[in-house]
PDB file of all heavy atoms in Angstrom:
ATOM      1  N   LEU A   1       0.840  -1.203  -0.007  1.00  0.00           N
ATOM      2  CA  LEU A   1       0.003  -0.001  -0.001  1.00  0.00           C
ATOM      3  C   LEU A   1       0.871   1.254   0.004  1.00  0.00           C
ATOM      4  O   LEU A   1       0.637   2.190  -0.753  1.00  0.00           O
ATOM      5  CB  LEU A   1      -0.916   0.030   1.222  1.00  0.00           C
ATOM      6  CG  LEU A   1      -2.139  -0.885   1.201  1.00  0.00           C
ATOM      7  CD1 LEU A   1      -2.777  -0.956   2.579  1.00  0.00           C
ATOM      8  CD2 LEU A   1      -3.142  -0.379   0.203  1.00  0.00           C
ATOM      9  N   ALA A   2       1.901   1.274   0.853  1.00  0.00           N
ATOM     10  CA  ALA A   2       2.795   2.417   0.947  1.00  0.00           C
ATOM     11  C   ALA A   2       3.519   2.643  -0.366  1.00  0.00           C
ATOM     12  O   ALA A   2       3.679   3.780  -0.820  1.00  0.00           O
ATOM     13  CB  ALA A   2       3.786   2.216   2.085  1.00  0.00           C
ATOM     14  N   GLY A   3       3.972   1.562  -1.010  1.00  0.00           N
ATOM     15  CA  GLY A   3       4.731   1.657  -2.239  1.00  0.00           C
ATOM     16  C   GLY A   3       3.930   2.193  -3.408  1.00  0.00           C
ATOM     17  O   GLY A   3       4.490   2.644  -4.377  1.00  0.00           O
ATOM     18  N   SER A   4       2.593   2.141  -3.295  1.00  0.00           N
ATOM     19  CA  SER A   4       1.755   2.654  -4.362  1.00  0.00           C
ATOM     20  C   SER A   4       1.541   4.169  -4.271  1.00  0.00           C
ATOM     21  O   SER A   4       0.877   4.752  -5.127  1.00  0.00           O
ATOM     22  CB  SER A   4       0.387   1.951  -4.354  1.00  0.00           C
ATOM     23  OG  SER A   4      -0.368   2.360  -3.207  1.00  0.00           O
ATOM     24  N   LEU A   5       2.096   4.802  -3.256  1.00  0.00           N
ATOM     25  CA  LEU A   5       1.901   6.233  -3.000  1.00  0.00           C
ATOM     26  C   LEU A   5       3.104   7.061  -3.437  1.00  0.00           C
ATOM     27  O   LEU A   5       4.207   6.513  -3.625  1.00  0.00           O
ATOM     28  CB  LEU A   5       1.628   6.454  -1.524  1.00  0.00           C
ATOM     29  CG  LEU A   5       0.466   5.648  -0.925  1.00  0.00           C
ATOM     30  CD1 LEU A   5       0.477   5.745   0.587  1.00  0.00           C
ATOM     31  CD2 LEU A   5      -0.847   6.092  -1.492  1.00  0.00           C
ATOM     32  N   SER A   6       2.918   8.348  -3.533  1.00  0.00           N
ATOM     33  CA  SER A   6       4.045   9.260  -3.801  1.00  0.00           C
ATOM     34  C   SER A   6       5.020   9.211  -2.620  1.00  0.00           C
ATOM     35  O   SER A   6       4.598   8.850  -1.512  1.00  0.00           O
ATOM     36  CB  SER A   6       3.547  10.689  -4.007  1.00  0.00           C
ATOM     37  OG  SER A   6       3.088  11.221  -2.780  1.00  0.00           O
ATOM     38  N   PRO A   7       6.267   9.583  -2.809  1.00  0.00           N
ATOM     39  CA  PRO A   7       7.236   9.525  -1.692  1.00  0.00           C
ATOM     40  C   PRO A   7       6.801  10.279  -0.452  1.00  0.00           C
ATOM     41  O   PRO A   7       6.934   9.756   0.673  1.00  0.00           O
ATOM     42  CB  PRO A   7       8.503  10.102  -2.295  1.00  0.00           C
ATOM     43  CG  PRO A   7       8.413   9.791  -3.743  1.00  0.00           C
ATOM     44  CD  PRO A   7       6.930   9.933  -4.081  1.00  0.00           C
ATOM     45  N   SER A   8       6.261  11.476  -0.596  1.00  0.00           N
ATOM     46  CA  SER A   8       5.855  12.236   0.599  1.00  0.00           C
ATOM     47  C   SER A   8       4.625  11.579   1.266  1.00  0.00           C
ATOM     48  O   SER A   8       4.555  11.538   2.503  1.00  0.00           O
ATOM     49  CB  SER A   8       5.551  13.700   0.253  1.00  0.00           C
ATOM     50  OG  SER A   8       4.437  13.784  -0.627  1.00  0.00           O
ATOM     51  N   ARG A   9       3.707  11.085   0.466  1.00  0.00           N
ATOM     52  CA  ARG A   9       2.532  10.418   1.049  1.00  0.00           C
ATOM     53  C   ARG A   9       2.931   9.077   1.690  1.00  0.00           C
ATOM     54  O   ARG A   9       2.375   8.700   2.685  1.00  0.00           O
ATOM     55  CB  ARG A   9       1.469  10.240  -0.038  1.00  0.00           C
ATOM     56  CG  ARG A   9       0.217   9.567   0.434  1.00  0.00           C
ATOM     57  CD  ARG A   9      -0.569  10.396   1.457  1.00  0.00           C
ATOM     58  NE  ARG A   9      -1.681   9.624   1.908  1.00  0.00           N
ATOM     59  CZ  ARG A   9      -1.796   9.035   3.106  1.00  0.00           C
ATOM     60  NH1 ARG A   9      -0.849   9.239   4.016  1.00  0.00           N
ATOM     61  NH2 ARG A   9      -2.830   8.331   3.452  1.00  0.00           N
ATOM     62  N   GLU A  10       3.899   8.374   1.099  1.00  0.00           N
ATOM     63  CA  GLU A  10       4.385   7.111   1.669  1.00  0.00           C
ATOM     64  C   GLU A  10       4.973   7.337   3.034  1.00  0.00           C
ATOM     65  O   GLU A  10       4.702   6.597   3.981  1.00  0.00           O
ATOM     66  CB  GLU A  10       5.426   6.481   0.751  1.00  0.00           C
ATOM     67  CG  GLU A  10       6.014   5.206   1.314  1.00  0.00           C
ATOM     68  CD  GLU A  10       7.138   4.623   0.468  1.00  0.00           C
ATOM     69  OE1 GLU A  10       7.725   5.362  -0.348  1.00  0.00           O
ATOM     70  OE2 GLU A  10       7.384   3.422   0.604  1.00  0.00           O
ATOM     71  N   ARG A  11       5.750   8.396   3.177  1.00  0.00           N
ATOM     72  CA  ARG A  11       6.367   8.767   4.466  1.00  0.00           C
ATOM     73  C   ARG A  11       5.274   8.984   5.523  1.00  0.00           C
ATOM     74  O   ARG A  11       5.358   8.463   6.629  1.00  0.00           O
ATOM     75  CB  ARG A  11       7.185  10.032   4.233  1.00  0.00           C
ATOM     76  CG  ARG A  11       7.836  10.608   5.438  1.00  0.00           C
ATOM     77  CD  ARG A  11       8.647  11.859   5.019  1.00  0.00           C
ATOM     78  NE  ARG A  11       9.278  12.464   6.132  1.00  0.00           N
ATOM     79  CZ  ARG A  11       8.909  13.630   6.644  1.00  0.00           C
ATOM     80  NH1 ARG A  11       7.915  14.308   6.094  1.00  0.00           N
ATOM     81  NH2 ARG A  11       9.544  14.127   7.667  1.00  0.00           N
ATOM     82  N   GLU A  12       4.286   9.778   5.151  1.00  0.00           N
ATOM     83  CA  GLU A  12       3.166  10.058   6.075  1.00  0.00           C
ATOM     84  C   GLU A  12       2.364   8.798   6.390  1.00  0.00           C
ATOM     85  O   GLU A  12       2.022   8.543   7.539  1.00  0.00           O
ATOM     86  CB  GLU A  12       2.271  11.108   5.379  1.00  0.00           C
ATOM     87  CG  GLU A  12       1.102  11.560   6.177  1.00  0.00           C
ATOM     88  CD  GLU A  12       0.287  12.577   5.404  1.00  0.00           C
ATOM     89  OE1 GLU A  12      -0.478  12.161   4.512  1.00  0.00           O
ATOM     90  OE2 GLU A  12       0.422  13.774   5.673  1.00  0.00           O
ATOM     91  N   PHE A  13       2.113   7.970   5.384  1.00  0.00           N
ATOM     92  CA  PHE A  13       1.347   6.745   5.536  1.00  0.00           C
ATOM     93  C   PHE A  13       2.051   5.787   6.517  1.00  0.00           C
ATOM     94  O   PHE A  13       1.424   5.258   7.421  1.00  0.00           O
ATOM     95  CB  PHE A  13       1.199   6.067   4.159  1.00  0.00           C
ATOM     96  CG  PHE A  13       0.480   4.744   4.186  1.00  0.00           C
ATOM     97  CD1 PHE A  13      -0.888   4.680   4.074  1.00  0.00           C
ATOM     98  CD2 PHE A  13       1.214   3.571   4.285  1.00  0.00           C
ATOM     99  CE1 PHE A  13      -1.528   3.457   4.082  1.00  0.00           C
ATOM    100  CE2 PHE A  13       0.568   2.343   4.292  1.00  0.00           C
ATOM    101  CZ  PHE A  13      -0.817   2.282   4.190  1.00  0.00           C
ATOM    102  N   LEU A  14       3.340   5.563   6.318  1.00  0.00           N
ATOM    103  CA  LEU A  14       4.064   4.641   7.198  1.00  0.00           C
ATOM    104  C   LEU A  14       4.156   5.160   8.627  1.00  0.00           C
ATOM    105  O   LEU A  14       4.049   4.401   9.594  1.00  0.00           O
ATOM    106  CB  LEU A  14       5.462   4.323   6.633  1.00  0.00           C
ATOM    107  CG  LEU A  14       5.475   3.473   5.371  1.00  0.00           C
ATOM    108  CD1 LEU A  14       6.876   3.350   4.814  1.00  0.00           C
ATOM    109  CD2 LEU A  14       4.839   2.098   5.607  1.00  0.00           C
ATOM    110  N   ALA A  15       4.340   6.460   8.791  1.00  0.00           N
ATOM    111  CA  ALA A  15       4.342   7.052  10.131  1.00  0.00           C
ATOM    112  C   ALA A  15       2.992   6.855  10.805  1.00  0.00           C
ATOM    113  O   ALA A  15       2.916   6.512  11.981  1.00  0.00           O
ATOM    114  CB  ALA A  15       4.709   8.522  10.091  1.00  0.00           C
ATOM    115  N   GLY A  16       1.938   7.055  10.040  1.00  0.00           N
ATOM    116  CA  GLY A  16       0.565   6.839  10.606  1.00  0.00           C
ATOM    117  C   GLY A  16       0.358   5.383  11.008  1.00  0.00           C
ATOM    118  O   GLY A  16      -0.235   5.095  12.057  1.00  0.00           O
ATOM    119  N   ARG A  17       0.819   4.474  10.167  1.00  0.00           N
ATOM    120  CA  ARG A  17       0.692   3.038  10.493  1.00  0.00           C
ATOM    121  C   ARG A  17       1.492   2.684  11.751  1.00  0.00           C
ATOM    122  O   ARG A  17       1.037   1.913  12.589  1.00  0.00           O
ATOM    123  CB  ARG A  17       1.134   2.152   9.319  1.00  0.00           C
ATOM    124  CG  ARG A  17       0.176   2.123   8.118  1.00  0.00           C
ATOM    125  CD  ARG A  17      -1.255   2.182   8.540  1.00  0.00           C
ATOM    126  NE  ARG A  17      -2.211   1.831   7.512  1.00  0.00           N
ATOM    127  CZ  ARG A  17      -3.077   2.682   6.977  1.00  0.00           C
ATOM    128  NH1 ARG A  17      -3.054   3.958   7.308  1.00  0.00           N
ATOM    129  NH2 ARG A  17      -3.954   2.273   6.115  1.00  0.00           N
ATOM    130  N   PHE A  18       2.676   3.272  11.896  1.00  0.00           N
ATOM    131  CA  PHE A  18       3.481   3.002  13.077  1.00  0.00           C
ATOM    132  C   PHE A  18       2.794   3.525  14.333  1.00  0.00           C
ATOM    133  O   PHE A  18       2.724   2.831  15.322  1.00  0.00           O
ATOM    134  CB  PHE A  18       4.879   3.635  12.951  1.00  0.00           C
ATOM    135  CG  PHE A  18       5.813   3.218  14.037  1.00  0.00           C
ATOM    136  CD1 PHE A  18       6.525   2.042  13.911  1.00  0.00           C
ATOM    137  CD2 PHE A  18       5.971   3.996  15.156  1.00  0.00           C
ATOM    138  CE1 PHE A  18       7.378   1.632  14.922  1.00  0.00           C
ATOM    139  CE2 PHE A  18       6.830   3.598  16.175  1.00  0.00           C
ATOM    140  CZ  PHE A  18       7.539   2.406  16.062  1.00  0.00           C
ATOM    141  N   ALA A  19       2.261   4.729  14.256  1.00  0.00           N
ATOM    142  CA  ALA A  19       1.530   5.307  15.405  1.00  0.00           C
ATOM    143  C   ALA A  19       0.314   4.459  15.731  1.00  0.00           C
ATOM    144  O   ALA A  19       0.014   4.213  16.919  1.00  0.00           O
ATOM    145  CB  ALA A  19       1.121   6.754  15.109  1.00  0.00           C
ATOM    146  N   ALA A  20      -0.367   3.956  14.727  1.00  0.00           N
ATOM    147  CA  ALA A  20      -1.525   3.097  14.950  1.00  0.00           C
ATOM    148  C   ALA A  20      -1.135   1.808  15.657  1.00  0.00           C
ATOM    149  O   ALA A  20      -1.799   1.336  16.583  1.00  0.00           O
ATOM    150  CB  ALA A  20      -2.239   2.785  13.640  1.00  0.00           C
ATOM    151  N   LYS A  21       0.007   1.218  15.248  1.00  0.00           N
ATOM    152  CA  LYS A  21       0.494  -0.014  15.891  1.00  0.00           C
ATOM    153  C   LYS A  21       0.782   0.274  17.377  1.00  0.00           C
ATOM    154  O   LYS A  21       0.458  -0.518  18.236  1.00  0.00           O
ATOM    155  CB  LYS A  21       1.742  -0.512  15.184  1.00  0.00           C
ATOM    156  CG  LYS A  21       1.475  -1.049  13.783  1.00  0.00           C
ATOM    157  CD  LYS A  21       2.784  -1.298  13.025  1.00  0.00           C
ATOM    158  CE  LYS A  21       2.535  -1.723  11.600  1.00  0.00           C
ATOM    159  NZ  LYS A  21       2.414  -3.176  11.447  1.00  0.00           N
ATOM    160  N   GLU A  22       1.414   1.397  17.648  1.00  0.00           N
ATOM    161  CA  GLU A  22       1.720   1.772  19.031  1.00  0.00           C
ATOM    162  C   GLU A  22       0.437   1.955  19.861  1.00  0.00           C
ATOM    163  O   GLU A  22       0.326   1.533  20.987  1.00  0.00           O
ATOM    164  CB  GLU A  22       2.566   3.044  19.075  1.00  0.00           C
ATOM    165  CG  GLU A  22       3.974   2.885  18.591  1.00  0.00           C
ATOM    166  CD  GLU A  22       4.930   2.364  19.647  1.00  0.00           C
ATOM    167  OE1 GLU A  22       4.520   2.057  20.770  1.00  0.00           O
ATOM    168  OE2 GLU A  22       6.123   2.243  19.320  1.00  0.00           O
ATOM    169  N   ALA A  23      -0.558   2.614  19.263  1.00  0.00           N
ATOM    170  CA  ALA A  23      -1.835   2.806  19.953  1.00  0.00           C
ATOM    171  C   ALA A  23      -2.504   1.469  20.235  1.00  0.00           C
ATOM    172  O   ALA A  23      -3.067   1.252  21.335  1.00  0.00           O
ATOM    173  CB  ALA A  23      -2.750   3.692  19.117  1.00  0.00           C
ATOM    174  N   VAL A  24      -2.446   0.551  19.282  1.00  0.00           N
ATOM    175  CA  VAL A  24      -3.020  -0.784  19.491  1.00  0.00           C
ATOM    176  C   VAL A  24      -2.328  -1.504  20.629  1.00  0.00           C
ATOM    177  O   VAL A  24      -2.965  -2.146  21.474  1.00  0.00           O
ATOM    178  CB  VAL A  24      -2.954  -1.609  18.181  1.00  0.00           C
ATOM    179  CG1 VAL A  24      -3.294  -3.095  18.447  1.00  0.00           C
ATOM    180  CG2 VAL A  24      -3.950  -1.032  17.154  1.00  0.00           C
ATOM    181  N   LEU A  25      -0.998  -1.397  20.692  1.00  0.00           N
ATOM    182  CA  LEU A  25      -0.254  -2.041  21.790  1.00  0.00           C
ATOM    183  C   LEU A  25      -0.639  -1.468  23.141  1.00  0.00           C
ATOM    184  O   LEU A  25      -0.639  -2.182  24.138  1.00  0.00           O
ATOM    185  CB  LEU A  25       1.241  -1.934  21.559  1.00  0.00           C
ATOM    186  CG  LEU A  25       1.762  -2.751  20.395  1.00  0.00           C
ATOM    187  CD1 LEU A  25       3.249  -2.547  20.221  1.00  0.00           C
ATOM    188  CD2 LEU A  25       1.456  -4.221  20.593  1.00  0.00           C
ATOM    189  N   LYS A  26      -0.998  -0.203  23.191  1.00  0.00           N
ATOM    190  CA  LYS A  26      -1.482   0.383  24.434  1.00  0.00           C
ATOM    191  C   LYS A  26      -2.834  -0.202  24.814  1.00  0.00           C
ATOM    192  O   LYS A  26      -3.125  -0.394  25.994  1.00  0.00           O
ATOM    193  CB  LYS A  26      -1.491   1.898  24.329  1.00  0.00           C
ATOM    194  CG  LYS A  26      -0.089   2.456  24.271  1.00  0.00           C
ATOM    195  CD  LYS A  26      -0.021   3.929  23.969  1.00  0.00           C
ATOM    196  CE  LYS A  26       1.423   4.361  23.878  1.00  0.00           C
ATOM    197  NZ  LYS A  26       1.590   5.687  23.335  1.00  0.00           N
ATOM    198  N   VAL A  27      -3.677  -0.466  23.834  1.00  0.00           N
ATOM    199  CA  VAL A  27      -4.954  -1.158  24.104  1.00  0.00           C
ATOM    200  C   VAL A  27      -4.670  -2.527  24.711  1.00  0.00           C
ATOM    201  O   VAL A  27      -5.323  -2.969  25.634  1.00  0.00           O
ATOM    202  CB  VAL A  27      -5.792  -1.287  22.822  1.00  0.00           C
ATOM    203  CG1 VAL A  27      -6.941  -2.266  23.003  1.00  0.00           C
ATOM    204  CG2 VAL A  27      -6.320   0.057  22.373  1.00  0.00           C
ATOM    205  N   LEU A  28      -3.640  -3.207  24.177  1.00  0.00           N
ATOM    206  CA  LEU A  28      -3.283  -4.531  24.648  1.00  0.00           C
ATOM    207  C   LEU A  28      -2.495  -4.504  25.949  1.00  0.00           C
ATOM    208  O   LEU A  28      -2.308  -5.576  26.562  1.00  0.00           O
ATOM    209  CB  LEU A  28      -2.484  -5.279  23.563  1.00  0.00           C
ATOM    210  CG  LEU A  28      -3.202  -5.504  22.231  1.00  0.00           C
ATOM    211  CD1 LEU A  28      -2.271  -6.206  21.255  1.00  0.00           C
ATOM    212  CD2 LEU A  28      -4.477  -6.282  22.430  1.00  0.00           C
ATOM    213  N   GLY A  29      -2.046  -3.336  26.347  1.00  0.00           N
ATOM    214  CA  GLY A  29      -1.302  -3.219  27.604  1.00  0.00           C
ATOM    215  C   GLY A  29       0.120  -3.766  27.504  1.00  0.00           C
ATOM    216  O   GLY A  29       0.698  -4.208  28.507  1.00  0.00           O
TER     217      GLY A  29
END
């Protein structure tokens, strides 16, 4: 999914996914 985006949008997309993963881990404790 990230690779299908422009470089600037890919950067933003991957950072958003990383933040989402961290938020999910907080749900899981």
